[in-house]
Amino acid sequence: MLFNSVTTEPLVRKRETLLNVRWFRLKRLPLSKMLLYGSYAVLAFLVLCALVPSWIAPYSPTSMLTDQLLQKPSLSHPLGTDQFGRDIWTLVIYGSRQSLIMGVVSVGTLLGLVAGYWGGVVDSLFMRFNDILMTIPGILLAIAISVALGPSFFNVILAISVATIPGKARVVRSQVMAIRNRPFIDAARAVGTSHLEIMVRHILPNCFSPLLVMMTIGVGSSILVGTGLSFLGLGVIKEIPDWGYMLSQGRSYMTVAWWVATFPGLAITLLVIVVNLIGDELRDRMDPKKSRA
C-alpha cells in the first residue's frame, strides 16, 4: 500500500499541474480568440447536424405527437414542441442543412472569372449586367425571382445566387485581371492549353484566398436572404421546414408559445454571427499588409 501511494502521488500531482497550466492558458486568452474558437466549434456542430442529422436529433422530423402540442421546453423536448406536436430541437437540426446550402451556393464566381479572363466586349457586357444588378436591392431581386418561378429549392438557390452575384463577381474579376497576363499564364497558352483549363487549373486556384474570405463573409447575407424568402412563404415548403419557414409559422403563437419562433430565430442569428466572425478572422489572416506588420 505504501508503495502504491508513493508511485501514484507524483502522477496525480503532475496531472493536476497540467490541468492548472491549461486552465491558466485558457483564462489568459483574449475575448476575441475565445469567441473565434467558439465560432469554429459552433460551425463544426452545425455542419455535423447538416450532414448526419439522424445521429443527433432525438426524434423523427415527421413524427407528430398529438398529445404534446405546444409543449414548453422540458427534458424530453429541450426546445419544446410546435403546433403539430413536432420536436423543435429536431426541426432545428434538420433545418440546418437547407440553411447552410443556401449560404454557400453562388454563381458570382463564374461570372467574374469569365469577365476577367476574356476582357474586352465580354467584360463590358458582363460588368454592365453586374452594374444593373447592383442597382436593385438583393432581397427585392430574390423576392421577384421567387414569385415569378414559384417556391422550390432550386428556385430559392437561383434567387439567392442572382441576388449575391455583384459582390463576388467584382472581387473575382479584379483578381483574374491581375493574374491573366503573368508569365505562367503565357507559358500555359504557349503549350496549347485550352482557355477552360487555364481558367480552372491556373487562374482560379490563385484567386482562392480573397474568394474564400468573400464567400465566408457573404454566407451570412445569403442565409438571411434564404430565410427571408422562407419567412415570406416563397422558400422551400416541405415536410421538413427550414428555419425561416419555422419562424414564419411560429409568429402566430408568440403570445402563447414563444419558443416556437424564438429558437429558430436564435439559430439564424447564431449562424450568421458565427460565419461573420470566421470571415473577419480569415480576412485578417490573409491580408498581406497585416502579415508584413
C-alpha atoms as a PDB file:
ATOM      1  CA  MET A   1       0.000   0.000   0.000  1.00  0.00           C
ATOM      2  CA  LEU A   2       2.823   2.376   0.845  1.00  0.00           C
ATOM      3  CA  PHE A   3       4.491   1.589  -2.488  1.00  0.00           C
ATOM      4  CA  ASN A   4       1.306   2.314  -4.423  1.00  0.00           C
ATOM      5  CA  SER A   5       0.734   5.637  -2.675  1.00  0.00           C
ATOM      6  CA  VAL A   6       4.305   6.700  -3.298  1.00  0.00           C
ATOM      7  CA  THR A   7       4.205   5.827  -7.011  1.00  0.00           C
ATOM      8  CA  THR A   8       0.776   7.250  -7.780  1.00  0.00           C
ATOM      9  CA  GLU A   9       1.094  10.520  -5.857  1.00  0.00           C
ATOM     10  CA  PRO A  10       3.597  12.134  -8.314  1.00  0.00           C
ATOM     11  CA  LEU A  11       1.371  11.127 -11.239  1.00  0.00           C
ATOM     12  CA  VAL A  12      -1.665  12.749  -9.614  1.00  0.00           C
ATOM     13  CA  ARG A  13       0.299  15.909  -8.875  1.00  0.00           C
ATOM     14  CA  LYS A  14       1.640  16.017 -12.446  1.00  0.00           C
ATOM     15  CA  ARG A  15      -1.880  15.649 -13.865  1.00  0.00           C
ATOM     16  CA  GLU A  16      -3.200  18.406 -11.590  1.00  0.00           C
ATOM     17  CA  THR A  17      -0.306  20.637 -12.650  1.00  0.00           C
ATOM     18  CA  LEU A  18      -1.054  20.092 -16.350  1.00  0.00           C
ATOM     19  CA  LEU A  19      -4.736  20.855 -15.801  1.00  0.00           C
ATOM     20  CA  ASN A  20      -3.856  24.032 -13.912  1.00  0.00           C
ATOM     21  CA  VAL A  21      -1.499  25.147 -16.696  1.00  0.00           C
ATOM     22  CA  ARG A  22      -4.115  24.530 -19.386  1.00  0.00           C
ATOM     23  CA  TRP A  23      -6.792  26.331 -17.393  1.00  0.00           C
ATOM     24  CA  PHE A  24      -4.417  29.250 -16.821  1.00  0.00           C
ATOM     25  CA  ARG A  25      -3.674  29.473 -20.554  1.00  0.00           C
ATOM     26  CA  LEU A  26      -7.381  29.343 -21.339  1.00  0.00           C
ATOM     27  CA  LYS A  27      -8.108  32.175 -18.902  1.00  0.00           C
ATOM     28  CA  ARG A  28      -5.363  34.302 -20.457  1.00  0.00           C
ATOM     29  CA  LEU A  29      -6.836  34.017 -23.957  1.00  0.00           C
ATOM     30  CA  PRO A  30      -8.279  37.330 -25.157  1.00  0.00           C
ATOM     31  CA  LEU A  31     -12.031  37.512 -25.597  1.00  0.00           C
ATOM     32  CA  SER A  32     -11.709  37.709 -29.380  1.00  0.00           C
ATOM     33  CA  LYS A  33      -9.804  34.406 -29.506  1.00  0.00           C
ATOM     34  CA  MET A  34     -12.338  32.705 -27.252  1.00  0.00           C
ATOM     35  CA  LEU A  35     -15.167  33.935 -29.483  1.00  0.00           C
ATOM     36  CA  LEU A  36     -13.314  32.708 -32.559  1.00  0.00           C
ATOM     37  CA  TYR A  37     -12.706  29.227 -31.135  1.00  0.00           C
ATOM     38  CA  GLY A  38     -16.326  29.109 -30.026  1.00  0.00           C
ATOM     39  CA  SER A  39     -17.402  30.089 -33.551  1.00  0.00           C
ATOM     40  CA  TYR A  40     -15.368  27.250 -35.056  1.00  0.00           C
ATOM     41  CA  ALA A  41     -16.954  24.807 -32.607  1.00  0.00           C
ATOM     42  CA  VAL A  42     -20.496  26.030 -33.326  1.00  0.00           C
ATOM     43  CA  LEU A  43     -19.964  25.937 -37.093  1.00  0.00           C
ATOM     44  CA  ALA A  44     -18.497  22.427 -36.890  1.00  0.00           C
ATOM     45  CA  PHE A  45     -21.524  21.297 -34.883  1.00  0.00           C
ATOM     46  CA  LEU A  46     -23.949  22.843 -37.400  1.00  0.00           C
ATOM     47  CA  VAL A  47     -22.125  21.193 -40.300  1.00  0.00           C
ATOM     48  CA  LEU A  48     -22.337  17.880 -38.443  1.00  0.00           C
ATOM     49  CA  CYS A  49     -26.068  18.463 -37.951  1.00  0.00           C
ATOM     50  CA  ALA A  50     -26.464  19.123 -41.669  1.00  0.00           C
ATOM     51  CA  LEU A  51     -24.501  16.011 -42.681  1.00  0.00           C
ATOM     52  CA  VAL A  52     -25.876  13.440 -40.227  1.00  0.00           C
ATOM     53  CA  PRO A  53     -28.964  14.915 -38.528  1.00  0.00           C
ATOM     54  CA  SER A  54     -30.346  11.483 -37.631  1.00  0.00           C
ATOM     55  CA  TRP A  55     -27.367  10.882 -35.317  1.00  0.00           C
ATOM     56  CA  ILE A  56     -28.127  13.947 -33.218  1.00  0.00           C
ATOM     57  CA  ALA A  57     -31.885  14.506 -33.433  1.00  0.00           C
ATOM     58  CA  PRO A  58     -33.828  12.624 -30.729  1.00  0.00           C
ATOM     59  CA  TYR A  59     -36.984  12.258 -32.859  1.00  0.00           C
ATOM     60  CA  SER A  60     -38.015  11.877 -36.469  1.00  0.00           C
ATOM     61  CA  PRO A  61     -38.744  15.254 -38.106  1.00  0.00           C
ATOM     62  CA  THR A  62     -42.078  13.943 -39.408  1.00  0.00           C
ATOM     63  CA  SER A  63     -43.334  12.423 -36.142  1.00  0.00           C
ATOM     64  CA  MET A  64     -46.281  14.343 -34.670  1.00  0.00           C
ATOM     65  CA  LEU A  65     -47.144  13.843 -31.016  1.00  0.00           C
ATOM     66  CA  THR A  66     -50.800  14.881 -30.951  1.00  0.00           C
ATOM     67  CA  ASP A  67     -50.940  14.678 -27.167  1.00  0.00           C
ATOM     68  CA  GLN A  68     -47.993  17.112 -26.776  1.00  0.00           C
ATOM     69  CA  LEU A  69     -48.979  20.147 -28.833  1.00  0.00           C
ATOM     70  CA  LEU A  70     -47.163  23.402 -27.966  1.00  0.00           C
ATOM     71  CA  GLN A  71     -45.346  21.853 -25.012  1.00  0.00           C
ATOM     72  CA  LYS A  72     -42.892  24.064 -23.139  1.00  0.00           C
ATOM     73  CA  PRO A  73     -39.153  23.214 -23.156  1.00  0.00           C
ATOM     74  CA  SER A  74     -38.519  20.190 -20.955  1.00  0.00           C
ATOM     75  CA  LEU A  75     -36.103  17.292 -20.549  1.00  0.00           C
ATOM     76  CA  SER A  76     -37.902  15.219 -23.177  1.00  0.00           C
ATOM     77  CA  HIS A  77     -38.210  18.204 -25.550  1.00  0.00           C
ATOM     78  CA  PRO A  78     -35.315  20.634 -24.844  1.00  0.00           C
ATOM     79  CA  LEU A  79     -36.753  23.360 -27.110  1.00  0.00           C
ATOM     80  CA  GLY A  80     -40.416  22.430 -26.764  1.00  0.00           C
ATOM     81  CA  THR A  81     -42.865  21.304 -29.456  1.00  0.00           C
ATOM     82  CA  ASP A  82     -44.698  23.178 -32.192  1.00  0.00           C
ATOM     83  CA  GLN A  83     -48.390  23.391 -33.087  1.00  0.00           C
ATOM     84  CA  PHE A  84     -48.273  19.925 -34.675  1.00  0.00           C
ATOM     85  CA  GLY A  85     -46.508  18.246 -31.768  1.00  0.00           C
ATOM     86  CA  ARG A  86     -43.141  18.041 -33.541  1.00  0.00           C
ATOM     87  CA  ASP A  87     -39.948  18.386 -31.522  1.00  0.00           C
ATOM     88  CA  ILE A  88     -38.441  21.821 -32.276  1.00  0.00           C
ATOM     89  CA  TRP A  89     -34.880  20.699 -31.451  1.00  0.00           C
ATOM     90  CA  THR A  90     -35.232  18.013 -34.129  1.00  0.00           C
ATOM     91  CA  LEU A  91     -36.610  20.502 -36.665  1.00  0.00           C
ATOM     92  CA  VAL A  92     -33.783  22.961 -35.948  1.00  0.00           C
ATOM     93  CA  ILE A  93     -31.205  20.214 -36.523  1.00  0.00           C
ATOM     94  CA  TYR A  94     -32.766  19.057 -39.797  1.00  0.00           C
ATOM     95  CA  GLY A  95     -33.363  22.646 -40.933  1.00  0.00           C
ATOM     96  CA  SER A  96     -29.659  23.474 -40.671  1.00  0.00           C
ATOM     97  CA  ARG A  97     -28.968  21.557 -43.904  1.00  0.00           C
ATOM     98  CA  GLN A  98     -31.061  23.825 -46.113  1.00  0.00           C
ATOM     99  CA  SER A  99     -29.840  26.982 -44.380  1.00  0.00           C
ATOM    100  CA  LEU A 100     -26.173  26.057 -44.912  1.00  0.00           C
ATOM    101  CA  ILE A 101     -26.743  25.114 -48.558  1.00  0.00           C
ATOM    102  CA  MET A 102     -28.464  28.450 -49.146  1.00  0.00           C
ATOM    103  CA  GLY A 103     -25.444  30.211 -47.686  1.00  0.00           C
ATOM    104  CA  VAL A 104     -22.659  28.677 -49.756  1.00  0.00           C
ATOM    105  CA  VAL A 105     -24.177  28.416 -53.247  1.00  0.00           C
ATOM    106  CA  SER A 106     -23.497  31.263 -55.652  1.00  0.00           C
ATOM    107  CA  VAL A 107     -22.674  31.814 -59.341  1.00  0.00           C
ATOM    108  CA  GLY A 108     -20.886  35.142 -58.933  1.00  0.00           C
ATOM    109  CA  THR A 109     -17.500  33.400 -59.071  1.00  0.00           C
ATOM    110  CA  LEU A 110     -18.120  32.058 -62.577  1.00  0.00           C
ATOM    111  CA  LEU A 111     -19.281  35.445 -63.858  1.00  0.00           C
ATOM    112  CA  GLY A 112     -16.218  37.268 -62.530  1.00  0.00           C
ATOM    113  CA  LEU A 113     -13.858  34.554 -63.806  1.00  0.00           C
ATOM    114  CA  VAL A 114     -15.167  34.705 -67.376  1.00  0.00           C
ATOM    115  CA  ALA A 115     -15.345  38.507 -67.473  1.00  0.00           C
ATOM    116  CA  GLY A 116     -11.851  38.998 -66.058  1.00  0.00           C
ATOM    117  CA  TYR A 117     -10.208  36.391 -68.305  1.00  0.00           C
ATOM    118  CA  TRP A 118     -11.659  37.396 -71.665  1.00  0.00           C
ATOM    119  CA  GLY A 119     -11.855  41.152 -71.118  1.00  0.00           C
ATOM    120  CA  GLY A 120     -12.942  43.422 -73.952  1.00  0.00           C
ATOM    121  CA  VAL A 121     -16.552  43.138 -75.085  1.00  0.00           C
ATOM    122  CA  VAL A 122     -17.258  40.128 -72.855  1.00  0.00           C
ATOM    123  CA  ASP A 123     -16.013  42.008 -69.815  1.00  0.00           C
ATOM    124  CA  SER A 124     -18.057  45.088 -70.713  1.00  0.00           C
ATOM    125  CA  LEU A 125     -21.264  43.096 -71.210  1.00  0.00           C
ATOM    126  CA  PHE A 126     -20.885  41.105 -68.000  1.00  0.00           C
ATOM    127  CA  MET A 127     -19.964  44.126 -65.925  1.00  0.00           C
ATOM    128  CA  ARG A 128     -22.823  46.243 -67.285  1.00  0.00           C
ATOM    129  CA  PHE A 129     -25.143  43.401 -66.331  1.00  0.00           C
ATOM    130  CA  ASN A 130     -23.474  43.380 -62.925  1.00  0.00           C
ATOM    131  CA  ASP A 131     -23.999  47.150 -62.578  1.00  0.00           C
ATOM    132  CA  ILE A 132     -27.701  46.713 -63.314  1.00  0.00           C
ATOM    133  CA  LEU A 133     -27.958  44.068 -60.597  1.00  0.00           C
ATOM    134  CA  MET A 134     -26.207  46.379 -58.127  1.00  0.00           C
ATOM    135  CA  THR A 135     -28.948  48.995 -58.564  1.00  0.00           C
ATOM    136  CA  ILE A 136     -31.566  46.532 -57.285  1.00  0.00           C
ATOM    137  CA  PRO A 137     -31.591  45.535 -53.588  1.00  0.00           C
ATOM    138  CA  GLY A 138     -30.682  41.875 -53.303  1.00  0.00           C
ATOM    139  CA  ILE A 139     -33.670  40.833 -51.208  1.00  0.00           C
ATOM    140  CA  LEU A 140     -36.120  42.513 -53.618  1.00  0.00           C
ATOM    141  CA  LEU A 141     -34.466  40.807 -56.575  1.00  0.00           C
ATOM    142  CA  ALA A 142     -34.659  37.445 -54.825  1.00  0.00           C
ATOM    143  CA  ILE A 143     -38.335  38.001 -53.981  1.00  0.00           C
ATOM    144  CA  ALA A 144     -39.130  38.906 -57.595  1.00  0.00           C
ATOM    145  CA  ILE A 145     -37.410  35.768 -58.927  1.00  0.00           C
ATOM    146  CA  SER A 146     -39.110  33.524 -56.357  1.00  0.00           C
ATOM    147  CA  VAL A 147     -42.542  34.997 -57.108  1.00  0.00           C
ATOM    148  CA  ALA A 148     -42.022  34.552 -60.855  1.00  0.00           C
ATOM    149  CA  LEU A 149     -40.719  30.974 -60.655  1.00  0.00           C
ATOM    150  CA  GLY A 150     -42.650  29.677 -57.652  1.00  0.00           C
ATOM    151  CA  PRO A 151     -41.481  28.112 -54.380  1.00  0.00           C
ATOM    152  CA  SER A 152     -38.974  25.277 -54.780  1.00  0.00           C
ATOM    153  CA  PHE A 153     -35.482  24.514 -53.567  1.00  0.00           C
ATOM    154  CA  PHE A 154     -33.878  25.081 -56.975  1.00  0.00           C
ATOM    155  CA  ASN A 155     -35.680  28.404 -57.437  1.00  0.00           C
ATOM    156  CA  VAL A 156     -34.572  29.586 -53.990  1.00  0.00           C
ATOM    157  CA  ILE A 157     -30.939  28.733 -54.801  1.00  0.00           C
ATOM    158  CA  LEU A 158     -31.272  30.541 -58.134  1.00  0.00           C
ATOM    159  CA  ALA A 159     -32.769  33.614 -56.456  1.00  0.00           C
ATOM    160  CA  ILE A 160     -30.010  33.737 -53.830  1.00  0.00           C
ATOM    161  CA  SER A 161     -27.304  33.240 -56.459  1.00  0.00           C
ATOM    162  CA  VAL A 162     -28.563  36.088 -58.645  1.00  0.00           C
ATOM    163  CA  ALA A 163     -29.041  38.369 -55.636  1.00  0.00           C
ATOM    164  CA  THR A 164     -25.455  37.822 -54.431  1.00  0.00           C
ATOM    165  CA  ILE A 165     -23.721  37.998 -57.831  1.00  0.00           C
ATOM    166  CA  PRO A 166     -22.452  41.635 -57.793  1.00  0.00           C
ATOM    167  CA  GLY A 167     -20.047  41.485 -54.853  1.00  0.00           C
ATOM    168  CA  LYS A 168     -18.429  38.135 -55.660  1.00  0.00           C
ATOM    169  CA  ALA A 169     -18.184  38.865 -59.386  1.00  0.00           C
ATOM    170  CA  ARG A 170     -16.269  42.120 -58.849  1.00  0.00           C
ATOM    171  CA  VAL A 171     -13.807  40.553 -56.408  1.00  0.00           C
ATOM    172  CA  VAL A 172     -13.040  37.595 -58.687  1.00  0.00           C
ATOM    173  CA  ARG A 173     -12.797  39.813 -61.784  1.00  0.00           C
ATOM    174  CA  SER A 174     -10.213  42.086 -60.173  1.00  0.00           C
ATOM    175  CA  GLN A 175      -8.093  39.101 -59.123  1.00  0.00           C
ATOM    176  CA  VAL A 176      -8.310  37.457 -62.554  1.00  0.00           C
ATOM    177  CA  MET A 177      -7.293  40.666 -64.344  1.00  0.00           C
ATOM    178  CA  ALA A 178      -4.210  40.871 -62.121  1.00  0.00           C
ATOM    179  CA  ILE A 179      -3.224  37.257 -62.878  1.00  0.00           C
ATOM    180  CA  ARG A 180      -4.145  36.652 -66.529  1.00  0.00           C
ATOM    181  CA  ASN A 181      -1.011  38.305 -68.017  1.00  0.00           C
ATOM    182  CA  ARG A 182       1.571  36.725 -65.714  1.00  0.00           C
ATOM    183  CA  PRO A 183       4.382  34.597 -67.207  1.00  0.00           C
ATOM    184  CA  PHE A 184       2.989  31.234 -66.093  1.00  0.00           C
ATOM    185  CA  ILE A 185      -0.308  32.012 -67.861  1.00  0.00           C
ATOM    186  CA  ASP A 186       1.593  32.962 -71.036  1.00  0.00           C
ATOM    187  CA  ALA A 187       3.533  29.699 -70.762  1.00  0.00           C
ATOM    188  CA  ALA A 188       0.295  27.725 -70.468  1.00  0.00           C
ATOM    189  CA  ARG A 189      -1.047  29.426 -73.595  1.00  0.00           C
ATOM    190  CA  ALA A 190       2.221  28.736 -75.456  1.00  0.00           C
ATOM    191  CA  VAL A 191       1.991  24.973 -74.916  1.00  0.00           C
ATOM    192  CA  GLY A 192      -1.563  24.915 -76.261  1.00  0.00           C
ATOM    193  CA  THR A 193      -3.555  24.705 -73.028  1.00  0.00           C
ATOM    194  CA  SER A 194      -7.249  25.388 -73.594  1.00  0.00           C
ATOM    195  CA  HIS A 195      -8.882  28.518 -72.213  1.00  0.00           C
ATOM    196  CA  LEU A 196     -11.148  26.495 -69.924  1.00  0.00           C
ATOM    197  CA  GLU A 197      -8.203  24.604 -68.449  1.00  0.00           C
ATOM    198  CA  ILE A 198      -6.260  27.833 -67.914  1.00  0.00           C
ATOM    199  CA  MET A 199      -9.193  29.383 -66.070  1.00  0.00           C
ATOM    200  CA  VAL A 200      -9.921  26.333 -63.912  1.00  0.00           C
ATOM    201  CA  ARG A 201      -6.420  24.958 -63.223  1.00  0.00           C
ATOM    202  CA  HIS A 202      -4.205  28.048 -63.237  1.00  0.00           C
ATOM    203  CA  ILE A 203      -6.238  31.194 -62.552  1.00  0.00           C
ATOM    204  CA  LEU A 204      -8.995  30.088 -60.185  1.00  0.00           C
ATOM    205  CA  PRO A 205      -6.651  28.499 -57.570  1.00  0.00           C
ATOM    206  CA  ASN A 206      -4.720  31.788 -57.390  1.00  0.00           C
ATOM    207  CA  CYS A 207      -7.966  33.604 -56.562  1.00  0.00           C
ATOM    208  CA  PHE A 208      -8.740  31.225 -53.720  1.00  0.00           C
ATOM    209  CA  SER A 209      -7.615  33.405 -50.792  1.00  0.00           C
ATOM    210  CA  PRO A 210      -9.739  36.521 -51.470  1.00  0.00           C
ATOM    211  CA  LEU A 211     -12.559  34.333 -52.777  1.00  0.00           C
ATOM    212  CA  LEU A 212     -12.606  32.290 -49.571  1.00  0.00           C
ATOM    213  CA  VAL A 213     -12.827  35.441 -47.459  1.00  0.00           C
ATOM    214  CA  MET A 214     -15.543  36.913 -49.677  1.00  0.00           C
ATOM    215  CA  MET A 215     -17.585  33.717 -49.641  1.00  0.00           C
ATOM    216  CA  THR A 216     -17.298  33.323 -45.885  1.00  0.00           C
ATOM    217  CA  ILE A 217     -18.445  36.870 -45.230  1.00  0.00           C
ATOM    218  CA  GLY A 218     -21.174  36.552 -47.865  1.00  0.00           C
ATOM    219  CA  VAL A 219     -22.603  33.384 -46.336  1.00  0.00           C
ATOM    220  CA  GLY A 220     -24.353  35.451 -43.679  1.00  0.00           C
ATOM    221  CA  SER A 221     -26.181  37.645 -46.177  1.00  0.00           C
ATOM    222  CA  SER A 222     -27.102  34.628 -48.314  1.00  0.00           C
ATOM    223  CA  ILE A 223     -28.569  32.870 -45.286  1.00  0.00           C
ATOM    224  CA  LEU A 224     -30.600  35.954 -44.404  1.00  0.00           C
ATOM    225  CA  VAL A 225     -31.936  36.178 -47.963  1.00  0.00           C
ATOM    226  CA  GLY A 226     -32.867  32.480 -47.983  1.00  0.00           C
ATOM    227  CA  THR A 227     -34.555  32.531 -44.594  1.00  0.00           C
ATOM    228  CA  GLY A 228     -36.309  35.767 -45.549  1.00  0.00           C
ATOM    229  CA  LEU A 229     -37.799  34.067 -48.607  1.00  0.00           C
ATOM    230  CA  SER A 230     -38.944  31.147 -46.462  1.00  0.00           C
ATOM    231  CA  PHE A 231     -40.421  33.561 -43.924  1.00  0.00           C
ATOM    232  CA  LEU A 232     -42.498  35.146 -46.699  1.00  0.00           C
ATOM    233  CA  GLY A 233     -43.669  31.744 -47.933  1.00  0.00           C
ATOM    234  CA  LEU A 234     -41.503  31.859 -51.059  1.00  0.00           C
ATOM    235  CA  GLY A 235     -38.947  29.302 -49.954  1.00  0.00           C
ATOM    236  CA  VAL A 236     -38.958  25.528 -49.707  1.00  0.00           C
ATOM    237  CA  ILE A 237     -42.254  24.217 -48.357  1.00  0.00           C
ATOM    238  CA  LYS A 238     -41.659  20.587 -47.397  1.00  0.00           C
ATOM    239  CA  GLU A 239     -42.313  18.163 -44.576  1.00  0.00           C
ATOM    240  CA  ILE A 240     -39.048  19.345 -43.013  1.00  0.00           C
ATOM    241  CA  PRO A 241     -39.143  23.166 -42.980  1.00  0.00           C
ATOM    242  CA  ASP A 242     -36.097  25.386 -42.809  1.00  0.00           C
ATOM    243  CA  TRP A 243     -35.501  27.961 -40.104  1.00  0.00           C
ATOM    244  CA  GLY A 244     -37.157  30.827 -41.961  1.00  0.00           C
ATOM    245  CA  TYR A 245     -40.375  28.900 -42.512  1.00  0.00           C
ATOM    246  CA  MET A 246     -40.371  27.771 -38.861  1.00  0.00           C
ATOM    247  CA  LEU A 247     -40.017  31.399 -37.807  1.00  0.00           C
ATOM    248  CA  SER A 248     -42.911  32.402 -40.060  1.00  0.00           C
ATOM    249  CA  GLN A 249     -45.185  29.667 -38.702  1.00  0.00           C
ATOM    250  CA  GLY A 250     -44.260  30.363 -35.100  1.00  0.00           C
ATOM    251  CA  ARG A 251     -45.017  34.091 -35.101  1.00  0.00           C
ATOM    252  CA  SER A 252     -48.749  33.313 -34.774  1.00  0.00           C
ATOM    253  CA  TYR A 253     -48.066  31.633 -31.430  1.00  0.00           C
ATOM    254  CA  MET A 254     -45.737  34.194 -29.850  1.00  0.00           C
ATOM    255  CA  THR A 255     -48.222  35.093 -27.098  1.00  0.00           C
ATOM    256  CA  VAL A 256     -48.995  31.500 -26.100  1.00  0.00           C
ATOM    257  CA  ALA A 257     -45.866  29.575 -27.171  1.00  0.00           C
ATOM    258  CA  TRP A 258     -42.870  31.888 -27.511  1.00  0.00           C
ATOM    259  CA  TRP A 259     -40.431  29.016 -28.056  1.00  0.00           C
ATOM    260  CA  VAL A 260     -41.886  28.013 -31.446  1.00  0.00           C
ATOM    261  CA  ALA A 261     -40.462  31.106 -33.177  1.00  0.00           C
ATOM    262  CA  THR A 262     -37.729  32.091 -30.726  1.00  0.00           C
ATOM    263  CA  PHE A 263     -35.383  29.120 -31.142  1.00  0.00           C
ATOM    264  CA  PRO A 264     -35.358  29.086 -34.980  1.00  0.00           C
ATOM    265  CA  GLY A 265     -34.707  32.834 -34.852  1.00  0.00           C
ATOM    266  CA  LEU A 266     -31.832  32.307 -32.427  1.00  0.00           C
ATOM    267  CA  ALA A 267     -30.407  29.609 -34.721  1.00  0.00           C
ATOM    268  CA  ILE A 268     -30.426  32.030 -37.668  1.00  0.00           C
ATOM    269  CA  THR A 269     -28.798  34.756 -35.572  1.00  0.00           C
ATOM    270  CA  LEU A 270     -26.143  32.410 -34.190  1.00  0.00           C
ATOM    271  CA  LEU A 271     -25.201  31.034 -37.612  1.00  0.00           C
ATOM    272  CA  VAL A 272     -24.896  34.499 -39.169  1.00  0.00           C
ATOM    273  CA  ILE A 273     -22.751  35.781 -36.277  1.00  0.00           C
ATOM    274  CA  VAL A 274     -20.513  32.701 -36.377  1.00  0.00           C
ATOM    275  CA  VAL A 275     -19.772  32.868 -40.114  1.00  0.00           C
ATOM    276  CA  ASN A 276     -19.153  36.627 -39.897  1.00  0.00           C
ATOM    277  CA  LEU A 277     -16.639  36.161 -37.068  1.00  0.00           C
ATOM    278  CA  ILE A 278     -14.832  33.440 -39.012  1.00  0.00           C
ATOM    279  CA  GLY A 279     -14.894  35.573 -42.165  1.00  0.00           C
ATOM    280  CA  ASP A 280     -13.342  38.515 -40.326  1.00  0.00           C
ATOM    281  CA  GLU A 281     -10.608  36.248 -38.961  1.00  0.00           C
ATOM    282  CA  LEU A 282      -9.827  34.846 -42.416  1.00  0.00           C
ATOM    283  CA  ARG A 283      -9.692  38.351 -43.852  1.00  0.00           C
ATOM    284  CA  ASP A 284      -7.219  39.448 -41.178  1.00  0.00           C
ATOM    285  CA  ARG A 285      -5.034  36.368 -41.680  1.00  0.00           C
ATOM    286  CA  MET A 286      -4.894  36.736 -45.463  1.00  0.00           C
ATOM    287  CA  ASP A 287      -4.338  40.486 -45.501  1.00  0.00           C
ATOM    288  CA  PRO A 288      -0.758  40.969 -46.795  1.00  0.00           C
ATOM    289  CA  LYS A 289      -0.421  44.358 -45.086  1.00  0.00           C
ATOM    290  CA  LYS A 290      -1.141  42.876 -41.662  1.00  0.00           C
ATOM    291  CA  SER A 291       1.104  39.877 -42.306  1.00  0.00           C
ATOM    292  CA  ARG A 292       4.032  42.202 -43.047  1.00  0.00           C
ATOM    293  CA  ALA A 293       3.327  44.180 -39.889  1.00  0.00           C
END
